[in-house]
Amino acid sequence: MTGGTPTHNKLLSALNALMWFGLRKQLYTVFVTDQRLWFPAVDLLRIPMSWLLRTRRS
């Protein structure tokens, strides 16, 4: 995360590692970004630091 503290970055790294190792044989992928996410239907802006996405079966 841009502008995050070292402690914040350590916590986020640990959380992402737990999610990645826990979900690696399932249809999910984990990645980190500071990309903005806008929900126009409810006029809401969020900047999630971790994304968990379900992928398609290959």
N, C-alpha and C. Protein backbone atom coordinates (compact mmCIF):
# COMPACT_ATOMS: atom_id res chain seq x y z
N MET A 1 0.84 -1.18 0.00
CA MET A 1 0.00 0.00 0.00
C MET A 1 0.88 1.23 0.00
N THR A 2 0.60 2.13 -0.87
CA THR A 2 1.36 3.36 -0.92
C THR A 2 1.13 4.16 0.35
N GLY A 3 2.19 4.56 1.01
CA GLY A 3 2.07 5.36 2.22
C GLY A 3 1.80 4.57 3.48
N GLY A 4 1.77 3.25 3.40
CA GLY A 4 1.53 2.43 4.58
C GLY A 4 2.75 2.40 5.49
N THR A 5 2.53 2.11 6.76
CA THR A 5 3.64 2.01 7.70
C THR A 5 4.31 0.65 7.56
N PRO A 6 5.53 0.51 8.07
CA PRO A 6 6.18 -0.80 8.03
C PRO A 6 5.35 -1.88 8.74
N THR A 7 4.74 -1.55 9.86
CA THR A 7 3.92 -2.52 10.58
C THR A 7 2.72 -2.93 9.74
N HIS A 8 2.09 -1.97 9.10
CA HIS A 8 0.95 -2.25 8.24
C HIS A 8 1.36 -3.18 7.10
N ASN A 9 2.50 -2.93 6.49
CA ASN A 9 2.98 -3.75 5.38
C ASN A 9 3.30 -5.18 5.84
N LYS A 10 3.86 -5.33 7.05
CA LYS A 10 4.13 -6.67 7.59
C LYS A 10 2.83 -7.44 7.80
N LEU A 11 1.83 -6.78 8.38
CA LEU A 11 0.54 -7.44 8.61
C LEU A 11 -0.12 -7.85 7.29
N LEU A 12 -0.09 -6.97 6.32
CA LEU A 12 -0.68 -7.27 5.03
C LEU A 12 0.05 -8.42 4.34
N SER A 13 1.37 -8.44 4.44
CA SER A 13 2.14 -9.53 3.84
C SER A 13 1.80 -10.87 4.50
N ALA A 14 1.67 -10.87 5.82
CA ALA A 14 1.33 -12.10 6.53
C ALA A 14 -0.07 -12.58 6.15
N LEU A 15 -1.03 -11.67 6.07
CA LEU A 15 -2.39 -12.03 5.70
C LEU A 15 -2.43 -12.61 4.29
N ASN A 16 -1.74 -11.98 3.37
CA ASN A 16 -1.71 -12.48 1.99
C ASN A 16 -1.05 -13.85 1.90
N ALA A 17 0.00 -14.07 2.66
CA ALA A 17 0.66 -15.38 2.66
C ALA A 17 -0.29 -16.46 3.18
N LEU A 18 -1.00 -16.16 4.27
CA LEU A 18 -1.96 -17.13 4.82
C LEU A 18 -3.05 -17.46 3.80
N MET A 19 -3.58 -16.43 3.14
CA MET A 19 -4.62 -16.66 2.14
C MET A 19 -4.06 -17.46 0.97
N TRP A 20 -2.87 -17.11 0.50
CA TRP A 20 -2.30 -17.79 -0.65
C TRP A 20 -2.05 -19.26 -0.36
N PHE A 21 -1.40 -19.56 0.78
CA PHE A 21 -1.11 -20.96 1.12
C PHE A 21 -2.39 -21.73 1.40
N GLY A 22 -3.37 -21.11 2.03
CA GLY A 22 -4.62 -21.79 2.35
C GLY A 22 -5.51 -22.07 1.16
N LEU A 23 -5.36 -21.30 0.10
CA LEU A 23 -6.26 -21.42 -1.05
C LEU A 23 -5.57 -21.87 -2.33
N ARG A 24 -4.33 -22.28 -2.28
CA ARG A 24 -3.59 -22.53 -3.52
C ARG A 24 -4.11 -23.71 -4.34
N LYS A 25 -4.81 -24.67 -3.77
CA LYS A 25 -5.34 -25.79 -4.55
C LYS A 25 -6.82 -25.60 -4.87
N GLN A 26 -7.32 -24.41 -4.65
CA GLN A 26 -8.71 -24.11 -4.92
C GLN A 26 -8.80 -23.12 -6.09
N LEU A 27 -10.00 -22.75 -6.44
CA LEU A 27 -10.22 -21.86 -7.58
C LEU A 27 -10.17 -20.38 -7.19
N TYR A 28 -9.17 -20.02 -6.41
CA TYR A 28 -9.03 -18.63 -5.98
C TYR A 28 -7.61 -18.15 -6.25
N THR A 29 -7.49 -16.86 -6.43
CA THR A 29 -6.17 -16.25 -6.56
C THR A 29 -6.13 -15.01 -5.67
N VAL A 30 -4.97 -14.73 -5.11
CA VAL A 30 -4.78 -13.61 -4.19
C VAL A 30 -3.75 -12.68 -4.78
N PHE A 31 -4.01 -11.39 -4.76
CA PHE A 31 -2.98 -10.44 -5.14
C PHE A 31 -3.17 -9.14 -4.39
N VAL A 32 -2.11 -8.35 -4.35
CA VAL A 32 -2.09 -7.10 -3.59
C VAL A 32 -2.03 -5.93 -4.55
N THR A 33 -2.80 -4.90 -4.25
CA THR A 33 -2.80 -3.71 -5.09
C THR A 33 -3.34 -2.53 -4.29
N ASP A 34 -3.07 -1.33 -4.73
CA ASP A 34 -3.68 -0.16 -4.12
C ASP A 34 -4.63 0.51 -5.13
N GLN A 35 -5.16 -0.30 -6.01
CA GLN A 35 -6.10 0.16 -7.04
C GLN A 35 -7.44 0.55 -6.39
N ARG A 36 -8.03 1.63 -6.84
CA ARG A 36 -9.31 2.06 -6.31
C ARG A 36 -10.46 1.24 -6.88
N LEU A 37 -11.44 0.99 -6.04
CA LEU A 37 -12.61 0.22 -6.44
C LEU A 37 -13.85 1.07 -6.16
N TRP A 38 -14.60 1.38 -7.21
CA TRP A 38 -15.76 2.26 -7.11
C TRP A 38 -17.05 1.47 -7.30
N PHE A 39 -18.00 1.64 -6.37
CA PHE A 39 -19.32 1.02 -6.47
C PHE A 39 -20.34 2.13 -6.73
N PRO A 40 -20.63 2.43 -7.99
CA PRO A 40 -21.50 3.57 -8.29
C PRO A 40 -22.93 3.40 -7.79
N ALA A 41 -23.43 2.18 -7.70
CA ALA A 41 -24.81 1.97 -7.26
C ALA A 41 -25.03 2.45 -5.82
N VAL A 42 -23.98 2.42 -5.01
CA VAL A 42 -24.11 2.85 -3.61
C VAL A 42 -23.19 4.03 -3.29
N ASP A 43 -22.61 4.63 -4.33
CA ASP A 43 -21.73 5.79 -4.18
C ASP A 43 -20.64 5.53 -3.14
N LEU A 44 -19.87 4.47 -3.35
CA LEU A 44 -18.89 4.03 -2.38
C LEU A 44 -17.54 3.83 -3.07
N LEU A 45 -16.50 4.37 -2.48
CA LEU A 45 -15.14 4.21 -2.98
C LEU A 45 -14.32 3.49 -1.93
N ARG A 46 -13.63 2.44 -2.32
CA ARG A 46 -12.77 1.70 -1.41
C ARG A 46 -11.43 1.47 -2.09
N ILE A 47 -10.40 1.34 -1.28
CA ILE A 47 -9.07 1.02 -1.79
C ILE A 47 -8.64 -0.25 -1.06
N PRO A 48 -9.08 -1.41 -1.56
CA PRO A 48 -8.68 -2.67 -0.92
C PRO A 48 -7.20 -2.94 -1.15
N MET A 49 -6.56 -3.50 -0.15
CA MET A 49 -5.14 -3.79 -0.29
C MET A 49 -4.91 -5.21 -0.74
N SER A 50 -5.87 -6.09 -0.49
CA SER A 50 -5.79 -7.48 -0.92
C SER A 50 -7.04 -7.82 -1.69
N TRP A 51 -6.88 -8.59 -2.72
CA TRP A 51 -8.00 -9.06 -3.50
C TRP A 51 -8.00 -10.58 -3.45
N LEU A 52 -9.18 -11.15 -3.32
CA LEU A 52 -9.36 -12.59 -3.39
C LEU A 52 -10.39 -12.82 -4.47
N LEU A 53 -9.96 -13.44 -5.56
CA LEU A 53 -10.83 -13.63 -6.71
C LEU A 53 -11.03 -15.11 -7.00
N ARG A 54 -12.25 -15.47 -7.35
CA ARG A 54 -12.51 -16.82 -7.78
C ARG A 54 -12.18 -16.92 -9.26
N THR A 55 -11.45 -17.95 -9.62
CA THR A 55 -11.06 -18.14 -11.02
C THR A 55 -11.91 -19.21 -11.67
N ARG A 56 -11.79 -19.32 -12.97
CA ARG A 56 -12.52 -20.33 -13.72
C ARG A 56 -11.77 -21.65 -13.67
N ARG A 57 -12.52 -22.72 -13.82
CA ARG A 57 -11.87 -24.03 -13.91
C ARG A 57 -11.15 -24.11 -15.26
N SER A 58 -9.98 -24.72 -15.23
CA SER A 58 -9.24 -24.86 -16.49
C SER A 58 -9.29 -26.28 -16.99
